[in-house]
C-alpha atoms as a PDB file:
ATOM      1  CA  MET A   1    -109.577   3.454 145.882  1.00  0.00           C
ATOM      2  CA  ILE A   2    -111.466   6.945 147.345  1.00  0.00           C
ATOM      3  CA  ILE A   3    -111.456   7.657 151.199  1.00  0.00           C
ATOM      4  CA  VAL A   4    -114.162   9.579 152.371  1.00  0.00           C
ATOM      5  CA  THR A   5    -113.703  10.911 156.016  1.00  0.00           C
ATOM      6  CA  GLY A   6    -116.834  11.968 158.015  1.00  0.00           C
ATOM      7  CA  ALA A   7    -118.352   9.147 155.742  1.00  0.00           C
ATOM      8  CA  ALA A   8    -121.320   8.502 158.263  1.00  0.00           C
ATOM      9  CA  GLY A   9    -121.848  12.084 158.676  1.00  0.00           C
ATOM     10  CA  PHE A  10    -124.118  14.666 156.650  1.00  0.00           C
ATOM     11  CA  ILE A  11    -121.800  15.731 153.652  1.00  0.00           C
ATOM     12  CA  GLY A  12    -119.920  12.508 153.960  1.00  0.00           C
ATOM     13  CA  SER A  13    -122.609  10.165 153.508  1.00  0.00           C
ATOM     14  CA  ASN A  14    -124.279  12.044 150.599  1.00  0.00           C
ATOM     15  CA  LEU A  15    -120.654  11.780 148.710  1.00  0.00           C
ATOM     16  CA  VAL A  16    -120.806   7.861 149.465  1.00  0.00           C
ATOM     17  CA  HIS A  17    -124.068   7.595 148.141  1.00  0.00           C
ATOM     18  CA  ALA A  18    -123.291   9.888 145.041  1.00  0.00           C
ATOM     19  CA  LEU A  19    -119.903   7.668 144.200  1.00  0.00           C
ATOM     20  CA  ASN A  20    -122.117   4.701 144.342  1.00  0.00           C
ATOM     21  CA  ALA A  21    -124.353   6.121 141.828  1.00  0.00           C
ATOM     22  CA  ARG A  22    -121.348   6.447 139.691  1.00  0.00           C
ATOM     23  CA  GLY A  23    -120.567   2.761 139.983  1.00  0.00           C
ATOM     24  CA  ARG A  24    -117.913   3.521 142.697  1.00  0.00           C
ATOM     25  CA  THR A  25    -117.744   0.981 145.580  1.00  0.00           C
ATOM     26  CA  ASP A  26    -114.257   0.925 146.392  1.00  0.00           C
ATOM     27  CA  ILE A  27    -114.779   3.309 148.877  1.00  0.00           C
ATOM     28  CA  VAL A  28    -112.909   3.403 152.610  1.00  0.00           C
ATOM     29  CA  ALA A  29    -115.381   4.940 154.973  1.00  0.00           C
ATOM     30  CA  VAL A  30    -113.630   6.848 157.957  1.00  0.00           C
ATOM     31  CA  ASP A  31    -115.574   8.171 160.769  1.00  0.00           C
ATOM     32  CA  ASN A  32    -116.297   7.927 164.485  1.00  0.00           C
ATOM     33  CA  LEU A  33    -119.219   5.864 165.556  1.00  0.00           C
ATOM     34  CA  GLU A  34    -119.069   6.791 169.208  1.00  0.00           C
ATOM     35  CA  ARG A  35    -122.472   8.186 168.348  1.00  0.00           C
ATOM     36  CA  ALA A  36    -123.772   5.215 166.541  1.00  0.00           C
ATOM     37  CA  ASP A  37    -127.021   6.466 164.993  1.00  0.00           C
ATOM     38  CA  LYS A  38    -124.945   7.878 162.250  1.00  0.00           C
ATOM     39  CA  PHE A  39    -124.535   4.104 161.007  1.00  0.00           C
ATOM     40  CA  ARG A  40    -127.985   4.767 159.171  1.00  0.00           C
ATOM     41  CA  ASN A  41    -126.703   6.866 156.732  1.00  0.00           C
ATOM     42  CA  LEU A  42    -124.480   4.149 155.118  1.00  0.00           C
ATOM     43  CA  ALA A  43    -126.947   1.342 155.674  1.00  0.00           C
ATOM     44  CA  ASP A  44    -128.061   1.815 151.974  1.00  0.00           C
ATOM     45  CA  ALA A  45    -124.733   2.469 150.838  1.00  0.00           C
ATOM     46  CA  ASP A  46    -121.842   0.121 149.525  1.00  0.00           C
ATOM     47  CA  ILE A  47    -118.263   0.598 150.558  1.00  0.00           C
ATOM     48  CA  ALA A  48    -115.341  -1.682 150.766  1.00  0.00           C
ATOM     49  CA  ASP A  49    -114.298  -0.872 154.215  1.00  0.00           C
ATOM     50  CA  TYR A  50    -114.647   1.318 157.290  1.00  0.00           C
ATOM     51  CA  LEU A  51    -112.363   2.679 159.732  1.00  0.00           C
ATOM     52  CA  ASP A  52    -112.426   4.325 162.840  1.00  0.00           C
ATOM     53  CA  LYS A  53    -110.903   7.884 162.675  1.00  0.00           C
ATOM     54  CA  ARG A  54    -108.072   6.926 164.857  1.00  0.00           C
ATOM     55  CA  GLU A  55    -107.267   3.447 163.253  1.00  0.00           C
ATOM     56  CA  PHE A  56    -107.210   5.391 159.965  1.00  0.00           C
ATOM     57  CA  LEU A  57    -104.241   7.598 160.907  1.00  0.00           C
ATOM     58  CA  GLU A  58    -102.577   4.699 162.712  1.00  0.00           C
ATOM     59  CA  ARG A  59    -102.739   2.651 159.251  1.00  0.00           C
ATOM     60  CA  LEU A  60    -102.227   5.837 156.882  1.00  0.00           C
ATOM     61  CA  ASP A  61     -99.335   4.531 155.133  1.00  0.00           C
ATOM     62  CA  GLU A  62    -101.373   1.404 153.986  1.00  0.00           C
ATOM     63  CA  PHE A  63    -103.442   3.677 151.670  1.00  0.00           C
ATOM     64  CA  GLY A  64    -100.799   5.445 149.732  1.00  0.00           C
ATOM     65  CA  ASP A  65    -102.533   3.829 146.425  1.00  0.00           C
ATOM     66  CA  ALA A  66    -105.743   5.915 146.905  1.00  0.00           C
ATOM     67  CA  GLN A  67    -106.929   8.085 144.176  1.00  0.00           C
ATOM     68  CA  ALA A  68    -108.392  10.573 146.418  1.00  0.00           C
ATOM     69  CA  ILE A  69    -109.280  11.589 149.965  1.00  0.00           C
ATOM     70  CA  LEU A  70    -112.666  13.319 150.201  1.00  0.00           C
ATOM     71  CA  HIS A  71    -112.136  14.796 153.685  1.00  0.00           C
ATOM     72  CA  GLN A  72    -115.215  15.945 155.513  1.00  0.00           C
ATOM     73  CA  GLY A  73    -114.734  14.794 159.099  1.00  0.00           C
ATOM     74  CA  ALA A  74    -114.912  17.521 161.705  1.00  0.00           C
ATOM     75  CA  CYS A  75    -116.474  18.649 164.729  1.00  0.00           C
ATOM     76  CA  SER A  76    -119.049  21.448 163.204  1.00  0.00           C
ATOM     77  CA  ASP A  77    -120.616  22.536 166.659  1.00  0.00           C
ATOM     78  CA  THR A  78    -120.111  26.205 166.493  1.00  0.00           C
ATOM     79  CA  MET A  79    -120.998  26.367 170.310  1.00  0.00           C
ATOM     80  CA  GLU A  80    -118.090  23.816 171.224  1.00  0.00           C
ATOM     81  CA  SER A  81    -116.149  25.436 173.997  1.00  0.00           C
ATOM     82  CA  ASP A  82    -113.201  22.943 174.229  1.00  0.00           C
ATOM     83  CA  GLY A  83    -110.631  24.443 171.963  1.00  0.00           C
ATOM     84  CA  ARG A  84    -108.018  21.699 172.780  1.00  0.00           C
ATOM     85  CA  TYR A  85    -110.566  19.151 171.365  1.00  0.00           C
ATOM     86  CA  MET A  86    -111.511  21.283 168.307  1.00  0.00           C
ATOM     87  CA  MET A  87    -107.924  21.963 167.358  1.00  0.00           C
ATOM     88  CA  GLU A  88    -106.919  18.441 167.638  1.00  0.00           C
ATOM     89  CA  ASN A  89    -109.839  17.052 165.754  1.00  0.00           C
ATOM     90  CA  ASN A  90    -110.287  19.766 163.141  1.00  0.00           C
ATOM     91  CA  TYR A  91    -106.842  21.288 162.464  1.00  0.00           C
ATOM     92  CA  ARG A  92    -104.083  18.871 163.715  1.00  0.00           C
ATOM     93  CA  TYR A  93    -105.910  15.598 161.968  1.00  0.00           C
ATOM     94  CA  SER A  94    -106.366  17.662 158.766  1.00  0.00           C
ATOM     95  CA  MET A  95    -102.433  18.590 158.709  1.00  0.00           C
ATOM     96  CA  ARG A  96    -101.725  14.745 158.861  1.00  0.00           C
ATOM     97  CA  LEU A  97    -103.933  14.012 155.877  1.00  0.00           C
ATOM     98  CA  LEU A  98    -102.526  16.967 153.952  1.00  0.00           C
ATOM     99  CA  ASP A  99     -98.795  15.700 154.600  1.00  0.00           C
ATOM    100  CA  PHE A 100     -99.794  12.273 153.540  1.00  0.00           C
ATOM    101  CA  ALA A 101    -101.510  13.665 150.273  1.00  0.00           C
ATOM    102  CA  ARG A 102     -98.404  15.663 149.482  1.00  0.00           C
ATOM    103  CA  ARG A 103     -95.937  12.664 150.011  1.00  0.00           C
ATOM    104  CA  ARG A 104     -97.945  10.407 147.932  1.00  0.00           C
ATOM    105  CA  ARG A 105     -99.386  12.614 145.497  1.00  0.00           C
ATOM    106  CA  ILE A 106    -103.205  11.874 146.422  1.00  0.00           C
ATOM    107  CA  ALA A 107    -105.972  14.396 145.395  1.00  0.00           C
ATOM    108  CA  LEU A 108    -107.246  16.012 148.440  1.00  0.00           C
ATOM    109  CA  VAL A 109    -110.626  17.718 148.624  1.00  0.00           C
ATOM    110  CA  TYR A 110    -111.524  19.002 151.784  1.00  0.00           C
ATOM    111  CA  ALA A 111    -114.422  21.043 153.932  1.00  0.00           C
ATOM    112  CA  SER A 112    -113.462  24.286 155.009  1.00  0.00           C
ATOM    113  CA  SER A 113    -116.316  26.487 156.201  1.00  0.00           C
ATOM    114  CA  ALA A 114    -117.846  29.959 155.842  1.00  0.00           C
ATOM    115  CA  ALA A 115    -117.551  30.227 159.745  1.00  0.00           C
ATOM    116  CA  VAL A 116    -114.038  31.662 158.829  1.00  0.00           C
ATOM    117  CA  TYR A 117    -115.549  34.834 157.673  1.00  0.00           C
ATOM    118  CA  GLY A 118    -117.073  35.419 161.089  1.00  0.00           C
ATOM    119  CA  GLY A 119    -119.301  38.572 161.234  1.00  0.00           C
ATOM    120  CA  GLY A 120    -118.079  40.320 158.321  1.00  0.00           C
ATOM    121  CA  ARG A 121    -120.156  41.360 155.190  1.00  0.00           C
ATOM    122  CA  SER A 122    -117.540  40.624 152.820  1.00  0.00           C
ATOM    123  CA  PHE A 123    -116.965  36.669 151.571  1.00  0.00           C
ATOM    124  CA  VAL A 124    -114.009  36.839 149.414  1.00  0.00           C
ATOM    125  CA  GLU A 125    -111.368  34.135 149.882  1.00  0.00           C
ATOM    126  CA  ARG A 126    -108.763  36.395 151.065  1.00  0.00           C
ATOM    127  CA  ARG A 127    -107.157  36.879 154.487  1.00  0.00           C
ATOM    128  CA  ALA A 128    -108.571  40.384 154.913  1.00  0.00           C
ATOM    129  CA  ASP A 129    -111.954  39.087 155.107  1.00  0.00           C
ATOM    130  CA  GLU A 130    -111.438  36.171 157.340  1.00  0.00           C
ATOM    131  CA  ARG A 131    -112.154  36.772 161.058  1.00  0.00           C
ATOM    132  CA  PRO A 132    -113.443  33.736 162.621  1.00  0.00           C
ATOM    133  CA  LEU A 133    -115.982  34.256 165.699  1.00  0.00           C
ATOM    134  CA  ASN A 134    -115.309  30.771 167.412  1.00  0.00           C
ATOM    135  CA  VAL A 135    -112.895  28.303 167.600  1.00  0.00           C
ATOM    136  CA  TYR A 136    -114.319  25.902 165.199  1.00  0.00           C
ATOM    137  CA  GLY A 137    -113.972  28.844 162.721  1.00  0.00           C
ATOM    138  CA  TYR A 138    -110.625  29.223 163.807  1.00  0.00           C
ATOM    139  CA  SER A 139    -109.830  25.485 163.318  1.00  0.00           C
ATOM    140  CA  LYS A 140    -110.902  25.711 159.736  1.00  0.00           C
ATOM    141  CA  PHE A 141    -109.184  29.137 159.055  1.00  0.00           C
ATOM    142  CA  LEU A 142    -105.815  27.768 160.564  1.00  0.00           C
ATOM    143  CA  PHE A 143    -105.913  24.668 158.189  1.00  0.00           C
ATOM    144  CA  ASP A 144    -106.521  27.030 155.049  1.00  0.00           C
ATOM    145  CA  GLN A 145    -103.647  29.214 156.222  1.00  0.00           C
ATOM    146  CA  ALA A 146    -101.391  26.022 155.972  1.00  0.00           C
ATOM    147  CA  VAL A 147    -102.759  24.695 152.476  1.00  0.00           C
ATOM    148  CA  ARG A 148    -102.207  28.279 151.203  1.00  0.00           C
ATOM    149  CA  ARG A 149     -98.637  28.319 152.611  1.00  0.00           C
ATOM    150  CA  GLU A 150     -98.004  24.967 150.926  1.00  0.00           C
ATOM    151  CA  LEU A 151     -99.539  26.125 147.516  1.00  0.00           C
ATOM    152  CA  ALA A 152     -97.322  29.207 147.587  1.00  0.00           C
ATOM    153  CA  ALA A 153     -94.244  27.044 148.011  1.00  0.00           C
ATOM    154  CA  GLY A 154     -94.929  24.960 145.175  1.00  0.00           C
ATOM    155  CA  ALA A 155     -95.145  21.704 147.351  1.00  0.00           C
ATOM    156  CA  LEU A 156     -98.678  20.935 146.162  1.00  0.00           C
ATOM    157  CA  ALA A 157     -98.123  21.404 142.501  1.00  0.00           C
ATOM    158  CA  THR A 158     -98.457  17.849 141.211  1.00  0.00           C
ATOM    159  CA  SER A 159    -101.971  16.869 142.646  1.00  0.00           C
ATOM    160  CA  THR A 160    -105.208  18.363 143.568  1.00  0.00           C
ATOM    161  CA  VAL A 161    -105.566  20.014 146.704  1.00  0.00           C
ATOM    162  CA  VAL A 162    -108.906  21.917 147.209  1.00  0.00           C
ATOM    163  CA  GLY A 163    -110.785  23.442 150.120  1.00  0.00           C
ATOM    164  CA  LEU A 164    -114.417  24.251 150.029  1.00  0.00           C
ATOM    165  CA  ARG A 165    -115.864  26.871 152.085  1.00  0.00           C
ATOM    166  CA  TYR A 166    -119.423  25.348 152.809  1.00  0.00           C
ATOM    167  CA  PHE A 167    -121.946  27.942 153.630  1.00  0.00           C
ATOM    168  CA  ASN A 168    -125.162  26.823 155.241  1.00  0.00           C
ATOM    169  CA  VAL A 169    -125.588  23.387 153.801  1.00  0.00           C
ATOM    170  CA  TYR A 170    -129.136  21.676 154.236  1.00  0.00           C
ATOM    171  CA  GLY A 171    -130.647  18.302 152.964  1.00  0.00           C
ATOM    172  CA  PRO A 172    -130.767  14.528 153.676  1.00  0.00           C
ATOM    173  CA  ARG A 173    -129.079  12.604 156.206  1.00  0.00           C
ATOM    174  CA  GLU A 174    -128.527  15.177 158.688  1.00  0.00           C
ATOM    175  CA  THR A 175    -130.906  13.995 161.288  1.00  0.00           C
ATOM    176  CA  HIS A 176    -127.897  13.071 163.706  1.00  0.00           C
ATOM    177  CA  LYS A 177    -126.582  16.483 163.664  1.00  0.00           C
ATOM    178  CA  GLY A 178    -129.521  17.476 166.359  1.00  0.00           C
ATOM    179  CA  ARG A 179    -129.333  21.011 167.308  1.00  0.00           C
ATOM    180  CA  MET A 180    -126.756  21.749 164.629  1.00  0.00           C
ATOM    181  CA  ALA A 181    -128.776  20.397 161.636  1.00  0.00           C
ATOM    182  CA  SER A 182    -130.100  23.018 159.200  1.00  0.00           C
ATOM    183  CA  VAL A 183    -132.843  25.596 159.727  1.00  0.00           C
ATOM    184  CA  ALA A 184    -134.960  23.719 157.157  1.00  0.00           C
ATOM    185  CA  PHE A 185    -134.645  20.484 159.053  1.00  0.00           C
ATOM    186  CA  HIS A 186    -135.616  22.079 162.338  1.00  0.00           C
ATOM    187  CA  ALA A 187    -138.555  24.060 160.740  1.00  0.00           C
ATOM    188  CA  PHE A 188    -139.727  20.779 159.176  1.00  0.00           C
ATOM    189  CA  ASN A 189    -139.954  19.111 162.524  1.00  0.00           C
ATOM    190  CA  GLN A 190    -141.508  22.021 164.226  1.00  0.00           C
ATOM    191  CA  PHE A 191    -144.276  22.389 161.734  1.00  0.00           C
ATOM    192  CA  VAL A 192    -144.920  18.411 161.939  1.00  0.00           C
ATOM    193  CA  ALA A 193    -144.981  18.675 166.065  1.00  0.00           C
ATOM    194  CA  GLU A 194    -146.523  21.900 166.671  1.00  0.00           C
ATOM    195  CA  GLY A 195    -148.267  23.213 163.340  1.00  0.00           C
ATOM    196  CA  HIS A 196    -145.918  26.196 163.023  1.00  0.00           C
ATOM    197  CA  VAL A 197    -142.310  27.307 162.670  1.00  0.00           C
ATOM    198  CA  ARG A 198    -140.435  29.516 164.922  1.00  0.00           C
ATOM    199  CA  LEU A 199    -137.819  31.886 163.965  1.00  0.00           C
ATOM    200  CA  PHE A 200    -135.530  34.555 166.018  1.00  0.00           C
ATOM    201  CA  GLU A 201    -136.847  38.082 166.384  1.00  0.00           C
ATOM    202  CA  GLY A 202    -134.911  40.938 164.951  1.00  0.00           C
ATOM    203  CA  TRP A 203    -131.371  41.872 166.726  1.00  0.00           C
ATOM    204  CA  ASP A 204    -128.517  43.704 165.778  1.00  0.00           C
ATOM    205  CA  GLY A 205    -130.268  45.603 163.061  1.00  0.00           C
ATOM    206  CA  TRP A 206    -131.877  42.784 161.672  1.00  0.00           C
ATOM    207  CA  SER A 207    -135.798  42.503 161.393  1.00  0.00           C
ATOM    208  CA  ALA A 208    -137.717  39.394 162.667  1.00  0.00           C
ATOM    209  CA  GLY A 209    -136.690  36.483 160.515  1.00  0.00           C
ATOM    210  CA  GLY A 210    -134.525  38.870 158.479  1.00  0.00           C
ATOM    211  CA  GLN A 211    -131.275  37.519 159.292  1.00  0.00           C
ATOM    212  CA  SER A 212    -129.923  36.097 156.096  1.00  0.00           C
ATOM    213  CA  ARG A 213    -127.566  33.166 155.043  1.00  0.00           C
ATOM    214  CA  ASP A 214    -126.195  31.601 151.751  1.00  0.00           C
ATOM    215  CA  PHE A 215    -128.488  28.452 151.916  1.00  0.00           C
ATOM    216  CA  VAL A 216    -127.015  25.626 149.670  1.00  0.00           C
ATOM    217  CA  HIS A 217    -128.443  22.052 149.048  1.00  0.00           C
ATOM    218  CA  VAL A 218    -126.251  19.339 149.980  1.00  0.00           C
ATOM    219  CA  ASP A 219    -126.694  17.773 146.555  1.00  0.00           C
ATOM    220  CA  ASP A 220    -125.009  20.887 144.959  1.00  0.00           C
ATOM    221  CA  ILE A 221    -122.151  20.405 147.431  1.00  0.00           C
ATOM    222  CA  VAL A 222    -121.570  16.870 146.326  1.00  0.00           C
ATOM    223  CA  ALA A 223    -121.689  17.914 142.693  1.00  0.00           C
ATOM    224  CA  LEU A 224    -118.716  20.455 143.655  1.00  0.00           C
ATOM    225  CA  ASN A 225    -116.659  18.028 145.192  1.00  0.00           C
ATOM    226  CA  LEU A 226    -117.049  15.672 142.583  1.00  0.00           C
ATOM    227  CA  HIS A 227    -116.277  18.398 139.912  1.00  0.00           C
ATOM    228  CA  PHE A 228    -112.744  18.945 141.839  1.00  0.00           C
ATOM    229  CA  LEU A 229    -112.530  15.131 141.948  1.00  0.00           C
ATOM    230  CA  ASP A 230    -112.713  14.977 138.266  1.00  0.00           C
ATOM    231  CA  ARG A 231    -110.115  17.542 137.565  1.00  0.00           C
ATOM    232  CA  PRO A 232    -106.495  16.151 136.797  1.00  0.00           C
ATOM    233  CA  VAL A 233    -105.092  18.865 138.865  1.00  0.00           C
ATOM    234  CA  ALA A 234    -106.677  21.646 140.682  1.00  0.00           C
ATOM    235  CA  HIS A 235    -105.370  24.095 143.476  1.00  0.00           C
ATOM    236  CA  GLY A 236    -106.948  26.592 145.783  1.00  0.00           C
ATOM    237  CA  ILE A 237    -109.818  27.486 148.355  1.00  0.00           C
ATOM    238  CA  PHE A 238    -113.264  28.217 146.977  1.00  0.00           C
ATOM    239  CA  ASN A 239    -116.462  29.429 148.534  1.00  0.00           C
ATOM    240  CA  ALA A 240    -119.227  26.984 148.171  1.00  0.00           C
ATOM    241  CA  GLY A 241    -122.427  28.560 148.324  1.00  0.00           C
ATOM    242  CA  THR A 242    -125.250  29.876 145.720  1.00  0.00           C
ATOM    243  CA  GLY A 243    -123.912  33.587 145.788  1.00  0.00           C
ATOM    244  CA  ARG A 244    -127.282  34.647 147.240  1.00  0.00           C
ATOM    245  CA  ALA A 245    -128.481  35.276 150.550  1.00  0.00           C
ATOM    246  CA  GLN A 246    -131.992  34.656 151.538  1.00  0.00           C
ATOM    247  CA  PRO A 247    -133.590  35.406 154.650  1.00  0.00           C
ATOM    248  CA  PHE A 248    -134.883  32.735 157.163  1.00  0.00           C
ATOM    249  CA  ASN A 249    -138.022  33.886 156.550  1.00  0.00           C
ATOM    250  CA  ASP A 250    -137.860  32.389 153.137  1.00  0.00           C
ATOM    251  CA  VAL A 251    -136.937  28.908 154.432  1.00  0.00           C
ATOM    252  CA  ALA A 252    -139.843  29.227 156.647  1.00  0.00           C
ATOM    253  CA  CYS A 253    -142.238  29.856 153.885  1.00  0.00           C
ATOM    254  CA  ALA A 254    -140.877  27.223 151.604  1.00  0.00           C
ATOM    255  CA  VAL A 255    -141.383  24.659 154.461  1.00  0.00           C
ATOM    256  CA  VAL A 256    -144.815  25.700 155.433  1.00  0.00           C
ATOM    257  CA  ASN A 257    -146.112  25.985 151.797  1.00  0.00           C
ATOM    258  CA  THR A 258    -144.541  22.899 150.616  1.00  0.00           C
ATOM    259  CA  MET A 259    -146.494  21.254 153.338  1.00  0.00           C
ATOM    260  CA  ARG A 260    -149.825  23.028 152.724  1.00  0.00           C
ATOM    261  CA  ARG A 261    -149.389  21.884 149.075  1.00  0.00           C
ATOM    262  CA  ARG A 262    -149.087  18.413 150.339  1.00  0.00           C
ATOM    263  CA  ALA A 263    -152.209  18.995 152.131  1.00  0.00           C
ATOM    264  CA  GLY A 264    -154.106  20.297 149.324  1.00  0.00           C
ATOM    265  CA  GLN A 265    -153.823  23.852 150.596  1.00  0.00           C
ATOM    266  CA  PRO A 266    -152.766  27.162 148.609  1.00  0.00           C
ATOM    267  CA  PRO A 267    -149.371  28.828 149.291  1.00  0.00           C
ATOM    268  CA  LEU A 268    -149.540  32.026 151.398  1.00  0.00           C
ATOM    269  CA  PRO A 269    -146.938  34.903 151.299  1.00  0.00           C
ATOM    270  CA  LEU A 270    -145.262  35.791 154.563  1.00  0.00           C
ATOM    271  CA  GLY A 271    -147.443  38.147 156.082  1.00  0.00           C
ATOM    272  CA  GLU A 272    -150.381  35.767 155.891  1.00  0.00           C
ATOM    273  CA  LEU A 273    -148.439  32.814 157.413  1.00  0.00           C
ATOM    274  CA  VAL A 274    -147.354  35.181 160.433  1.00  0.00           C
ATOM    275  CA  GLU A 275    -151.033  36.307 160.721  1.00  0.00           C
ATOM    276  CA  ALA A 276    -152.317  32.951 160.619  1.00  0.00           C
ATOM    277  CA  GLY A 277    -149.850  31.842 163.458  1.00  0.00           C
ATOM    278  CA  LEU A 278    -147.969  29.601 161.112  1.00  0.00           C
ATOM    279  CA  VAL A 279    -144.798  31.416 161.129  1.00  0.00           C
ATOM    280  CA  ARG A 280    -143.904  32.884 164.563  1.00  0.00           C
ATOM    281  CA  TYR A 281    -140.898  34.552 166.255  1.00  0.00           C
ATOM    282  CA  MET A 282    -138.973  34.010 169.746  1.00  0.00           C
ATOM    283  CA  PRO A 283    -136.461  36.354 171.609  1.00  0.00           C
ATOM    284  CA  PHE A 284    -132.801  36.434 169.845  1.00  0.00           C
ATOM    285  CA  PRO A 285    -130.776  34.012 172.505  1.00  0.00           C
ATOM    286  CA  ASP A 286    -128.439  36.137 174.606  1.00  0.00           C
ATOM    287  CA  ALA A 287    -125.867  33.041 174.120  1.00  0.00           C
ATOM    288  CA  LEU A 288    -125.612  33.766 170.603  1.00  0.00           C
ATOM    289  CA  LYS A 289    -125.066  37.291 170.758  1.00  0.00           C
ATOM    290  CA  GLY A 290    -121.765  38.260 169.349  1.00  0.00           C
ATOM    291  CA  LYS A 291    -121.228  34.907 167.888  1.00  0.00           C
ATOM    292  CA  TYR A 292    -123.908  34.775 165.217  1.00  0.00           C
ATOM    293  CA  GLN A 293    -123.334  35.123 161.601  1.00  0.00           C
ATOM    294  CA  SER A 294    -126.428  37.201 160.868  1.00  0.00           C
ATOM    295  CA  PHE A 295    -125.510  37.488 156.949  1.00  0.00           C
ATOM    296  CA  THR A 296    -123.611  35.166 154.949  1.00  0.00           C
ATOM    297  CA  GLN A 297    -123.561  35.291 151.126  1.00  0.00           C
ATOM    298  CA  SER A 298    -120.645  33.514 148.888  1.00  0.00           C
ATOM    299  CA  ASP A 299    -118.619  35.436 146.556  1.00  0.00           C
ATOM    300  CA  ALA A 300    -118.402  32.831 143.613  1.00  0.00           C
ATOM    301  CA  SER A 301    -116.029  35.130 141.587  1.00  0.00           C
ATOM    302  CA  LEU A 302    -113.180  32.735 142.259  1.00  0.00           C
ATOM    303  CA  LEU A 303    -115.032  29.597 141.867  1.00  0.00           C
ATOM    304  CA  ARG A 304    -116.460  30.585 138.654  1.00  0.00           C
ATOM    305  CA  ALA A 305    -112.981  31.886 137.148  1.00  0.00           C
ATOM    306  CA  SER A 306    -111.462  28.332 138.154  1.00  0.00           C
ATOM    307  CA  GLY A 307    -113.941  26.771 135.222  1.00  0.00           C
ATOM    308  CA  CYS A 308    -116.629  25.773 137.749  1.00  0.00           C
ATOM    309  CA  ASP A 309    -120.142  26.370 136.087  1.00  0.00           C
ATOM    310  CA  LEU A 310    -122.249  24.269 138.281  1.00  0.00           C
ATOM    311  CA  ALA A 311    -125.638  25.814 138.900  1.00  0.00           C
ATOM    312  CA  PHE A 312    -126.891  25.832 142.424  1.00  0.00           C
ATOM    313  CA  ARG A 313    -130.549  25.913 143.569  1.00  0.00           C
ATOM    314  CA  GLY A 314    -132.170  28.493 145.469  1.00  0.00           C
ATOM    315  CA  VAL A 315    -134.150  27.971 148.903  1.00  0.00           C
ATOM    316  CA  GLU A 316    -137.630  27.835 146.966  1.00  0.00           C
ATOM    317  CA  GLN A 317    -136.598  24.770 145.026  1.00  0.00           C
ATOM    318  CA  GLY A 318    -134.080  23.319 147.362  1.00  0.00           C
ATOM    319  CA  VAL A 319    -136.111  23.344 150.561  1.00  0.00           C
ATOM    320  CA  ALA A 320    -139.255  22.275 149.019  1.00  0.00           C
ATOM    321  CA  SER A 321    -137.114  19.017 147.645  1.00  0.00           C
ATOM    322  CA  TYR A 322    -136.000  18.487 151.052  1.00  0.00           C
ATOM    323  CA  VAL A 323    -139.215  18.952 152.661  1.00  0.00           C
ATOM    324  CA  GLU A 324    -140.638  16.117 150.078  1.00  0.00           C
ATOM    325  CA  TRP A 325    -137.796  13.982 151.149  1.00  0.00           C
ATOM    326  CA  LEU A 326    -138.365  14.302 154.851  1.00  0.00           C
ATOM    327  CA  ALA A 327    -142.225  13.950 154.509  1.00  0.00           C
ATOM    328  CA  THR A 328    -141.985  10.615 152.802  1.00  0.00           C
ATOM    329  CA  ARG A 329    -139.874   9.348 155.578  1.00  0.00           C
ATOM    330  CA  GLN A 330    -142.174  10.216 158.680  1.00  0.00           C
ATOM    331  CA  PRO A 331    -143.567   7.639 160.575  1.00  0.00           C
END
């Protein structure tokens, strides 16, 4: 049995589908369906059971024979201002699962976040680089510290406990995330609705559309989770990104040029897309100033040193394949 928390969400549902592709249907899906539209992410998947996240905690000891917990459930809204909710939902819930996994020697692979690094320019898995800008990042940071203490004390020596610091993940099954969905998702929908893509103008030393992130396709994140699921014993907190920062302009170009190709039109470089009004820039929002990561880039050294040699696709390939997936599902 494998438990997937956040199973109806973006990364969780992709994990469930990947496990199905391996022939695994002994999956206990855990989530919160108060926003019921997420059920669509699991409608074409096979699971053994579904539990609300609160019921799951109440019945936790019934699942002591589980092989693993793939813990993806969290509030990922970086603009959430209710710190009490964020800490209960992200930190305290995760602590319960960590204690359970340790006692029952169950593998735990969990979602951390690049948000722990805040506005810095160094993204190495070390305390000196961790300066979260919001309570979401802090909730992930605090749980990572708890895992580090347990690892240092040797309390987790006999089973897999791995945290994956996701960078900017995009790909299928994120529609329910609304404004928190990826830049690629919003760019596609803007282009379909308005015939152009909008990005932020320059701010804080960055040129228009030049803010850069480590954009990683969800299929690569799923492959990384399964990589550690397959290890007999693995420990640590690892960055989960391509290791390459690419500007938002690259995402816009990939979206627009993929749609142009579908329409039988040739691709255009950024300058010509801007000149044609296919890529446009809007003022940087005041509400995001001081709370926004203008640059992220995963340092993959520790991940590679652990023996992981998985390849990660860049924006040009990954966003193009995602746009094709989205386009085939348009009404």
